[in-house]
Amino acid sequence: MTPVPILRRGLPAIALAAVLCLAGASNRLTAQENSSLAPFVPTPQDVVDRMLELAGVSESDVVYDLGCGDGRIVITAAREYGARGVGIDIDPQRIAEANANAEAEGVQDLVTFIEQDAMTVDVSDATVVTLYLLSSSNLKLRPLLTEQLAPGARIVSHAFSMGDWSADQVDRFTDLRGNTRTLFLWRHDGTVRP
C-alpha cells in the first residue's frame, strides 16, 4: 500500500476549513448588511459643500451625519463653518477612518464619531441632519427624526427623498464630474411623521 502524501491528505481539511471560514465571513457580512441602511459610497466633496450650503450651516449648528462613512460631511462643517458635528456609522473601519481624517484636518475637538446603528441614535441635539442613504432607509428614520428633532432643525438628503413628505426645497445641479445630483431639504416643523 502506497502512502498518500501529506499535502494531499491535508488538502481536504484545508479546503473544508477555507469553506467554513468563508461561510462565517459571509454570515458576518450578511449581518452587517442587514443592519446597514446603505452601502458606503462617499459623497463627492462638491456635493458635501452644496449640502451644507443648502442647510445654511453656521457656527451655532450641530450637524449629525447618519451613515457618516469617512466623516467628510461633519469634518467639512467643522472646518468651513466652525460647526460641531457628530458622525454615526455602524462600521468600525469607517469610524476609525473618520477619526483619522478629523485629526488630519485639525477639527477633532469639534467632531465626534460614534459606532452605532443609526436607527438607535439620539439626534435631539442636532440642528442639521445629513443623509446619503436609500429612500427606504430615510423612511425608516423619518419617525425617529421628526420625533426627536426640535422645530426648525433641517434635514438634508443627497439623492433620496422621504416618501410622501414634500421637501421644502429641492436642489438639482450638475456636479464637477458632470453627474446630475439632487438634494432634498426639509425644515422640521415639529410634526411627528410616521
Protein backbone atom coordinates (compact mmCIF):
# COMPACT_ATOMS: atom_id res chain seq x y z
CA MET A 1 0.00 0.00 0.00
CA THR A 2 1.45 3.37 -1.05
CA PRO A 3 1.08 6.16 1.50
CA VAL A 4 -0.80 9.29 0.40
CA PRO A 5 1.46 12.36 0.50
CA ILE A 6 0.78 14.64 3.48
CA LEU A 7 -0.06 17.58 1.21
CA ARG A 8 -2.73 15.55 -0.48
CA ARG A 9 -4.08 14.17 2.77
CA GLY A 10 -4.22 17.66 4.28
CA LEU A 11 -5.84 19.29 1.27
CA PRO A 12 -9.43 18.26 2.06
CA ALA A 13 -9.05 19.52 5.63
CA ILE A 14 -7.63 22.83 4.39
CA ALA A 15 -10.40 23.13 1.79
CA LEU A 16 -13.03 22.40 4.43
CA ALA A 17 -11.51 24.99 6.78
CA ALA A 18 -11.49 27.57 3.97
CA VAL A 19 -15.16 26.90 3.16
CA LEU A 20 -16.11 27.18 6.83
CA CYS A 21 -14.13 30.39 7.16
CA LEU A 22 -15.78 31.88 4.06
CA ALA A 23 -19.19 30.81 5.30
CA GLY A 24 -18.53 32.57 8.60
CA ALA A 25 -17.36 35.71 6.81
CA SER A 26 -20.43 35.55 4.59
CA ASN A 27 -22.68 35.31 7.65
CA ARG A 28 -20.93 38.27 9.27
CA LEU A 29 -21.23 40.29 6.08
CA THR A 30 -24.90 39.45 5.79
CA ALA A 31 -25.49 40.50 9.40
CA GLN A 32 -23.60 43.79 8.77
CA GLU A 33 -25.56 44.42 5.56
CA ASN A 34 -28.86 43.67 7.26
CA SER A 35 -28.15 46.22 9.97
CA SER A 36 -26.81 48.78 7.48
CA LEU A 37 -29.09 51.40 5.97
CA ALA A 38 -26.98 51.77 2.81
CA PRO A 39 -23.66 50.69 1.34
CA PHE A 40 -20.70 53.02 1.85
CA VAL A 41 -20.50 55.33 -1.15
CA PRO A 42 -18.58 58.55 -0.43
CA THR A 43 -20.36 61.80 -1.23
CA PRO A 44 -18.19 63.88 -3.59
CA GLN A 45 -16.73 66.94 -1.87
CA ASP A 46 -18.54 69.45 -4.09
CA VAL A 47 -21.84 67.75 -3.18
CA VAL A 48 -20.90 67.89 0.53
CA ASP A 49 -20.27 71.63 0.14
CA ARG A 50 -23.63 72.11 -1.56
CA MET A 51 -25.49 70.09 1.13
CA LEU A 52 -24.06 72.24 3.91
CA GLU A 53 -24.80 75.42 1.98
CA LEU A 54 -28.39 74.30 1.33
CA ALA A 55 -28.84 73.61 5.06
CA GLY A 56 -27.47 77.07 5.88
CA VAL A 57 -24.93 75.63 8.32
CA SER A 58 -23.32 78.11 10.69
CA GLU A 59 -21.05 78.11 13.72
CA SER A 60 -24.07 77.69 16.01
CA ASP A 61 -25.15 74.40 14.40
CA VAL A 62 -24.69 70.81 15.49
CA VAL A 63 -24.54 68.67 12.36
CA TYR A 64 -25.33 64.95 12.62
CA ASP A 65 -24.45 62.71 9.69
CA LEU A 66 -26.23 59.35 9.82
CA GLY A 67 -24.11 56.83 7.94
CA CYS A 68 -21.11 59.16 8.10
CA GLY A 69 -18.64 56.90 6.31
CA ASP A 70 -15.24 58.62 6.32
CA GLY A 71 -16.63 61.66 8.16
CA ARG A 72 -16.28 64.19 5.36
CA ILE A 73 -19.62 65.96 5.93
CA VAL A 74 -19.16 66.75 9.64
CA ILE A 75 -15.45 67.44 9.12
CA THR A 76 -16.29 69.96 6.39
CA ALA A 77 -18.99 71.54 8.58
CA ALA A 78 -16.40 71.96 11.37
CA ARG A 79 -13.58 73.15 9.12
CA GLU A 80 -15.57 75.55 6.92
CA TYR A 81 -18.26 76.81 9.31
CA GLY A 82 -16.94 76.12 12.82
CA ALA A 83 -19.99 73.91 13.48
CA ARG A 84 -19.87 70.99 15.87
CA GLY A 85 -20.55 67.62 14.32
CA VAL A 86 -21.45 64.04 15.18
CA GLY A 87 -20.98 61.21 12.72
CA ILE A 88 -22.75 57.90 13.21
CA ASP A 89 -21.75 54.73 11.39
CA ILE A 90 -22.19 51.03 12.11
CA ASP A 91 -18.84 50.10 10.52
CA PRO A 92 -15.86 50.33 12.91
CA GLN A 93 -13.47 50.73 9.95
CA ARG A 94 -15.35 53.85 8.80
CA ILE A 95 -15.30 55.28 12.33
CA ALA A 96 -11.54 54.75 12.59
CA GLU A 97 -11.07 56.39 9.19
CA ALA A 98 -13.31 59.33 10.16
CA ASN A 99 -11.37 59.91 13.40
CA ALA A 100 -8.07 59.86 11.50
CA ASN A 101 -9.48 62.31 8.92
CA ALA A 102 -10.71 64.67 11.66
CA GLU A 103 -7.27 64.64 13.27
CA ALA A 104 -5.59 65.28 9.93
CA GLU A 105 -7.90 68.29 9.37
CA GLY A 106 -7.35 69.57 12.93
CA VAL A 107 -11.05 69.52 13.86
CA GLN A 108 -11.06 66.58 16.28
CA ASP A 109 -12.18 68.88 19.11
CA LEU A 110 -15.31 69.88 17.14
CA VAL A 111 -16.42 66.45 15.90
CA THR A 112 -17.28 63.11 17.44
CA PHE A 113 -17.70 59.80 15.65
CA ILE A 114 -19.81 57.04 17.16
CA GLU A 115 -20.02 53.41 16.10
CA GLN A 116 -23.75 52.83 16.36
CA ASP A 117 -26.81 51.79 14.39
CA ALA A 118 -28.42 55.00 13.10
CA MET A 119 -31.84 53.58 13.99
CA THR A 120 -30.92 53.72 17.69
CA VAL A 121 -29.18 57.09 17.90
CA ASP A 122 -30.48 60.10 19.82
CA VAL A 123 -30.48 63.06 17.41
CA SER A 124 -32.22 65.52 19.73
CA ASP A 125 -29.11 67.75 19.91
CA ALA A 126 -28.92 68.09 16.12
CA THR A 127 -29.88 71.28 14.36
CA VAL A 128 -28.92 69.76 10.99
CA VAL A 129 -29.08 66.09 9.95
CA THR A 130 -27.44 64.94 6.72
CA LEU A 131 -28.26 61.69 4.94
CA TYR A 132 -26.97 59.75 1.96
CA LEU A 133 -28.99 56.62 2.49
CA LEU A 134 -31.60 54.75 0.48
CA SER A 135 -35.20 56.01 0.23
CA SER A 136 -36.37 53.00 2.24
CA SER A 137 -33.81 53.87 4.94
CA ASN A 138 -34.91 57.50 5.01
CA LEU A 139 -38.48 56.31 5.54
CA LYS A 140 -37.36 54.08 8.43
CA LEU A 141 -35.57 57.05 10.02
CA ARG A 142 -38.34 59.59 9.44
CA PRO A 143 -40.31 58.85 12.65
CA LEU A 144 -37.11 58.98 14.75
CA LEU A 145 -36.05 62.28 13.17
CA THR A 146 -39.41 64.01 13.43
CA GLU A 147 -39.97 62.76 16.98
CA GLN A 148 -36.57 63.84 18.32
CA LEU A 149 -35.60 66.95 16.35
CA ALA A 150 -36.58 70.37 17.61
CA PRO A 151 -38.76 72.54 15.38
CA GLY A 152 -36.55 74.44 12.94
CA ALA A 153 -33.99 71.64 12.55
CA ARG A 154 -33.01 70.96 8.95
CA ILE A 155 -32.66 67.59 7.24
CA VAL A 156 -30.69 67.36 4.00
CA SER A 157 -30.66 64.19 1.93
CA HIS A 158 -28.41 63.52 -1.02
CA ALA A 159 -30.28 61.74 -3.84
CA PHE A 160 -33.12 60.14 -1.86
CA SER A 161 -36.47 61.52 -0.73
CA MET A 162 -38.66 60.70 2.28
CA GLY A 163 -41.67 59.23 0.55
CA ASP A 164 -44.73 61.47 0.70
CA TRP A 165 -43.05 64.10 2.89
CA SER A 166 -42.66 67.00 0.48
CA ALA A 167 -39.29 68.69 0.63
CA ASP A 168 -39.18 72.40 1.43
CA GLN A 169 -36.51 72.77 -1.21
CA VAL A 170 -35.12 70.54 -3.98
CA ASP A 171 -31.74 71.42 -5.46
CA ARG A 172 -30.84 69.75 -8.79
CA PHE A 173 -27.42 70.50 -10.21
CA THR A 174 -24.51 69.07 -12.15
CA ASP A 175 -21.51 68.16 -10.03
CA LEU A 176 -17.86 68.68 -11.01
CA ARG A 177 -17.78 65.20 -12.61
CA GLY A 178 -20.74 66.03 -14.84
CA ASN A 179 -23.26 63.92 -12.87
CA THR A 180 -26.73 65.23 -12.13
CA ARG A 181 -27.33 65.41 -8.37
CA THR A 182 -30.48 66.05 -6.36
CA LEU A 183 -30.55 67.32 -2.79
CA PHE A 184 -33.67 67.48 -0.63
CA LEU A 185 -34.11 69.90 2.28
CA TRP A 186 -36.79 69.64 4.95
CA ARG A 187 -37.26 72.16 7.76
CA HIS A 188 -38.80 70.29 10.67
CA ASP A 189 -41.99 71.96 11.84
CA GLY A 190 -42.44 69.82 14.94
CA THR A 191 -44.90 67.39 13.36
CA VAL A 192 -44.13 63.71 14.01
CA ARG A 193 -44.37 61.83 10.73
CA PRO A 194 -44.79 58.05 10.59
